[in-house]
Protein backbone atom coordinates (compact mmCIF):
# COMPACT_ATOMS: atom_id res chain seq x y z
CA MET A 1 -9.57 -2.56 1.00
CA LYS A 2 -12.05 0.11 -0.78
CA LYS A 3 -14.97 -1.09 0.98
CA LEU A 4 -12.69 -0.58 4.56
CA LEU A 5 -12.21 3.03 3.91
CA ILE A 6 -16.17 3.37 3.37
CA THR A 7 -16.86 2.28 6.48
CA ILE A 8 -13.70 3.93 8.96
CA ALA A 9 -14.82 7.29 6.92
CA LEU A 10 -18.21 6.92 7.88
CA MET A 11 -17.23 5.97 11.72
CA LEU A 12 -15.40 8.79 11.86
CA SER A 13 -18.96 10.96 10.99
CA VAL A 14 -20.86 9.21 13.42
CA SER A 15 -18.12 9.33 15.76
CA SER A 16 -17.68 13.51 14.93
CA ALA A 17 -21.22 14.04 15.55
CA ALA A 18 -20.81 12.04 18.95
CA LEU A 19 -18.12 14.56 19.70
CA ALA A 20 -19.57 17.15 18.51
CA GLN A 21 -22.95 15.94 20.89
CA GLY A 22 -21.46 14.22 23.81
CA SER A 23 -17.73 12.90 24.60
CA PHE A 24 -14.30 12.06 23.92
CA VAL A 25 -13.27 8.58 24.58
CA VAL A 26 -9.24 7.63 25.41
CA LYS A 27 -9.31 3.68 25.78
CA ALA A 28 -7.09 0.72 26.18
CA GLY A 29 -7.13 -2.62 27.57
CA LEU A 30 -6.35 -6.67 27.57
CA ASN A 31 -7.21 -8.65 24.77
CA PHE A 32 -7.62 -12.29 25.75
CA ASN A 33 -7.77 -14.01 22.36
CA LYS A 34 -8.27 -17.94 21.34
CA LEU A 35 -7.66 -19.24 18.35
CA GLN A 36 -10.64 -21.80 17.41
CA ASP A 37 -10.65 -24.72 14.98
CA ILE A 38 -7.11 -24.74 13.89
CA GLN A 39 -6.44 -28.73 12.31
CA ILE A 40 -2.23 -28.88 11.50
CA ASP A 41 -1.94 -32.09 8.83
CA ASN A 42 -4.65 -34.66 10.35
CA LEU A 43 -4.37 -34.06 13.80
CA LYS A 44 -5.77 -31.38 15.83
CA GLN A 45 -4.65 -29.31 18.52
CA SER A 46 -5.91 -27.61 21.78
CA TRP A 47 -5.13 -23.34 21.15
CA ASN A 48 -4.47 -21.91 24.73
CA SER A 49 -5.44 -17.88 24.95
CA GLN A 50 -2.75 -15.58 25.84
CA THR A 51 -2.69 -12.06 26.42
CA GLY A 52 -2.81 -8.88 23.42
CA PHE A 53 -3.77 -5.24 23.82
CA HIS A 54 -5.83 -2.61 22.48
CA ALA A 55 -5.95 0.89 22.73
CA GLY A 56 -7.25 4.00 20.33
CA ILE A 57 -9.97 7.15 19.98
CA GLY A 58 -13.60 7.14 19.96
CA GLY A 59 -16.58 9.43 20.57
CA GLN A 60 -20.02 8.47 23.16
CA PHE A 61 -23.52 10.02 22.11
CA LYS A 62 -26.46 9.58 25.49
CA ILE A 63 -30.02 9.96 23.65
CA PRO A 64 -31.78 11.20 26.34
CA VAL A 65 -34.41 9.31 29.20
CA ILE A 66 -34.13 6.55 27.24
CA GLY A 67 -30.73 5.41 28.53
CA LEU A 68 -29.21 4.18 24.97
CA SER A 69 -26.27 5.47 23.64
CA PHE A 70 -23.40 4.95 21.03
CA GLN A 71 -19.85 5.04 21.34
CA PRO A 72 -18.04 4.83 18.30
CA GLU A 73 -13.66 3.55 18.25
CA ILE A 74 -11.16 3.82 16.03
CA LEU A 75 -8.38 0.71 18.29
CA TYR A 76 -4.94 -0.44 16.91
CA SER A 77 -5.49 -4.34 18.54
CA ARG A 78 -3.47 -6.89 18.65
CA VAL A 79 -4.76 -10.59 18.91
CA ARG A 80 -2.14 -13.27 20.00
CA THR A 81 -3.01 -17.43 20.54
CA GLY A 82 -0.81 -20.35 20.97
CA LEU A 83 -0.85 -24.21 20.99
CA LEU A 84 -1.28 -26.08 23.86
CA GLY A 85 2.20 -28.55 23.55
CA GLU A 86 4.31 -29.50 20.77
CA VAL A 87 4.04 -30.11 16.61
CA GLY A 88 7.77 -31.97 16.37
CA GLN A 89 9.87 -29.85 17.71
CA SER A 90 7.95 -26.80 17.43
CA SER A 91 6.66 -24.35 19.60
CA TYR A 92 3.75 -21.72 17.81
CA ASP A 93 3.80 -18.85 20.73
CA GLY A 94 4.64 -16.72 17.96
CA PHE A 95 0.86 -16.80 16.42
CA ARG A 96 0.16 -12.61 16.60
CA ILE A 97 -1.98 -10.33 14.31
CA ASP A 98 -2.05 -6.54 14.49
CA TYR A 99 -5.43 -5.44 13.59
CA ILE A 100 -7.16 -1.53 12.99
CA ASP A 101 -10.70 -2.24 14.95
CA VAL A 102 -13.77 -0.10 14.09
CA PRO A 103 -16.61 -1.13 16.61
CA LEU A 104 -19.45 0.55 17.14
CA ASN A 105 -20.21 -0.28 20.48
CA ILE A 106 -24.58 0.07 21.64
CA GLN A 107 -25.25 0.89 24.77
CA TRP A 108 -27.70 1.17 27.27
CA GLY A 109 -28.16 2.24 30.76
CA ILE A 110 -29.52 3.37 33.92
CA ASN A 111 -27.73 6.01 36.03
CA ILE A 112 -27.76 5.69 39.43
CA LEU A 113 -26.80 8.59 41.70
CA PHE A 114 -23.00 8.88 40.16
CA MET A 115 -23.28 5.19 38.22
CA ARG A 116 -24.29 4.28 34.80
CA PRO A 117 -24.34 0.05 34.68
CA TYR A 118 -24.95 -0.52 30.93
CA ILE A 119 -25.10 -3.71 28.57
CA PHE A 120 -23.94 -3.48 25.12
CA ALA A 121 -23.81 -5.12 21.49
CA ALA A 122 -20.99 -3.65 19.33
CA PRO A 123 -21.05 -4.91 15.24
CA TYR A 124 -17.32 -4.25 14.24
CA ILE A 125 -14.89 -4.32 11.82
CA ARG A 126 -11.08 -5.49 11.76
CA TYR A 127 -8.04 -4.87 8.82
CA ALA A 128 -4.94 -6.62 9.64
CA ILE A 129 -1.87 -4.35 8.78
CA ALA A 130 0.98 -6.87 11.08
CA LYS A 131 1.68 -10.57 11.83
CA GLY A 132 4.10 -12.67 14.54
CA ASP A 133 6.79 -14.21 13.92
CA LEU A 134 5.10 -17.65 13.37
CA LEU A 135 3.79 -15.46 10.18
CA SER A 136 6.78 -13.42 8.92
CA GLN A 137 7.15 -15.84 6.12
CA VAL A 138 2.84 -16.05 4.78
CA ASP A 139 1.90 -13.58 3.00
CA TRP A 140 -0.98 -11.55 3.30
CA GLU A 141 -2.74 -13.07 0.31
CA ASP A 142 -3.25 -16.21 2.04
CA LEU A 143 -4.49 -14.46 4.66
CA ASN A 144 -8.28 -12.59 5.23
CA ARG A 145 -6.53 -9.38 6.18
CA LEU A 146 -10.40 -8.25 6.50
CA ASP A 147 -12.23 -10.37 9.15
CA TYR A 148 -16.16 -8.63 10.63
CA GLY A 149 -18.10 -10.04 14.32
CA LEU A 150 -19.57 -9.40 17.01
CA SER A 151 -18.99 -8.61 20.75
CA LEU A 152 -21.51 -8.46 23.95
CA GLY A 153 -20.37 -7.32 27.52
CA ALA A 154 -21.15 -4.78 29.80
CA GLY A 155 -20.04 -2.11 31.88
CA ILE A 156 -19.94 0.82 34.84
CA GLU A 157 -19.86 4.00 33.98
CA ILE A 158 -18.35 6.81 37.42
CA TRP A 159 -17.87 9.86 36.08
CA LYS A 160 -16.16 10.17 33.67
CA PHE A 161 -14.20 6.96 33.88
CA GLN A 162 -15.28 3.57 32.06
CA ILE A 163 -14.77 -0.23 33.22
CA SER A 164 -16.61 -2.62 30.35
CA GLY A 165 -15.51 -6.37 29.59
CA LYS A 166 -17.12 -8.05 26.68
CA TYR A 167 -16.82 -10.99 24.40
CA ASN A 168 -16.14 -10.99 20.71
CA TRP A 169 -17.47 -13.73 17.93
CA SER A 170 -15.44 -13.50 14.55
CA PHE A 171 -17.23 -14.54 11.84
CA GLY A 172 -14.50 -14.69 9.33
CA GLN A 173 -12.40 -17.11 7.91
CA LEU A 174 -8.57 -17.04 8.62
CA ALA A 175 -7.29 -18.35 5.47
CA PRO A 176 -9.73 -17.37 2.58
CA GLY A 177 -8.08 -20.58 0.72
CA GLY A 178 -8.86 -22.97 3.74
CA SER A 179 -5.00 -24.01 4.20
CA LEU A 180 -1.47 -22.28 4.72
CA HIS A 181 1.60 -23.87 5.44
CA ILE A 182 3.50 -23.40 7.82
CA ASP A 183 7.15 -24.86 9.23
CA SER A 184 6.40 -27.71 6.34
CA ASN A 185 2.67 -28.74 8.04
CA ASP A 186 -0.16 -27.83 6.24
CA TRP A 187 -2.07 -25.59 8.35
CA LYS A 188 -6.79 -26.48 7.67
CA LEU A 189 -7.80 -23.02 8.60
CA GLU A 190 -11.42 -23.27 6.88
CA ASP A 191 -13.95 -23.21 9.55
CA SER A 192 -11.04 -21.12 12.34
CA ASN A 193 -11.72 -17.43 13.95
CA MET A 194 -10.41 -15.44 16.95
CA ARG A 195 -12.43 -15.47 20.02
CA GLY A 196 -12.19 -14.41 23.36
CA PHE A 197 -12.26 -11.79 26.11
CA GLU A 198 -11.33 -7.83 26.39
CA LEU A 199 -10.98 -5.81 29.70
CA SER A 200 -11.12 -2.17 28.71
CA VAL A 201 -10.91 0.94 30.60
CA ALA A 202 -11.41 4.69 29.10
CA PHE A 203 -11.55 8.23 30.59
CA LEU A 204 -14.51 10.54 28.64
CA PHE A 205 -13.63 14.36 27.99
């Protein structure tokens, strides 16, 4: 928790610098996440992506001439995933975790008239603050609340609007002990993490 607070404080400091010399950002969009590599009892199950959302604020600081910009953000993000089919009589559509995401978008683009197409990489950390019905009986001690990863994407900035898409790779594990019990099943999560696409729109002030 202390590491998370220190990292958020550093991100806020970077964001303050961006606001002093750049733009304030309001952002929202959709998440399409999928749970990777999960095993229930002795069976590997297939998981499909479900739609979540994200929304929050940030700042943008541009370095003239070279086309580089930094865009730190703080977002509320809901990630969801679902099981294809059923295990026994149960459907697992309630697998949901809500996070506070802190990405640092490092963008490179070129100005073409009133447009700026760009590509970007975004290392991020996130901290879980809520969970869905399926995980309601699971203690937080059985889940990794702190996650981290990397996103790669592209976008276009038109006047004060941004439209972007990126793919997130989570490097953390969902369960610190490698497994947890849900509905009398032993879920193996030692290699499991969330991955998926995000589509976003943002307005720059």
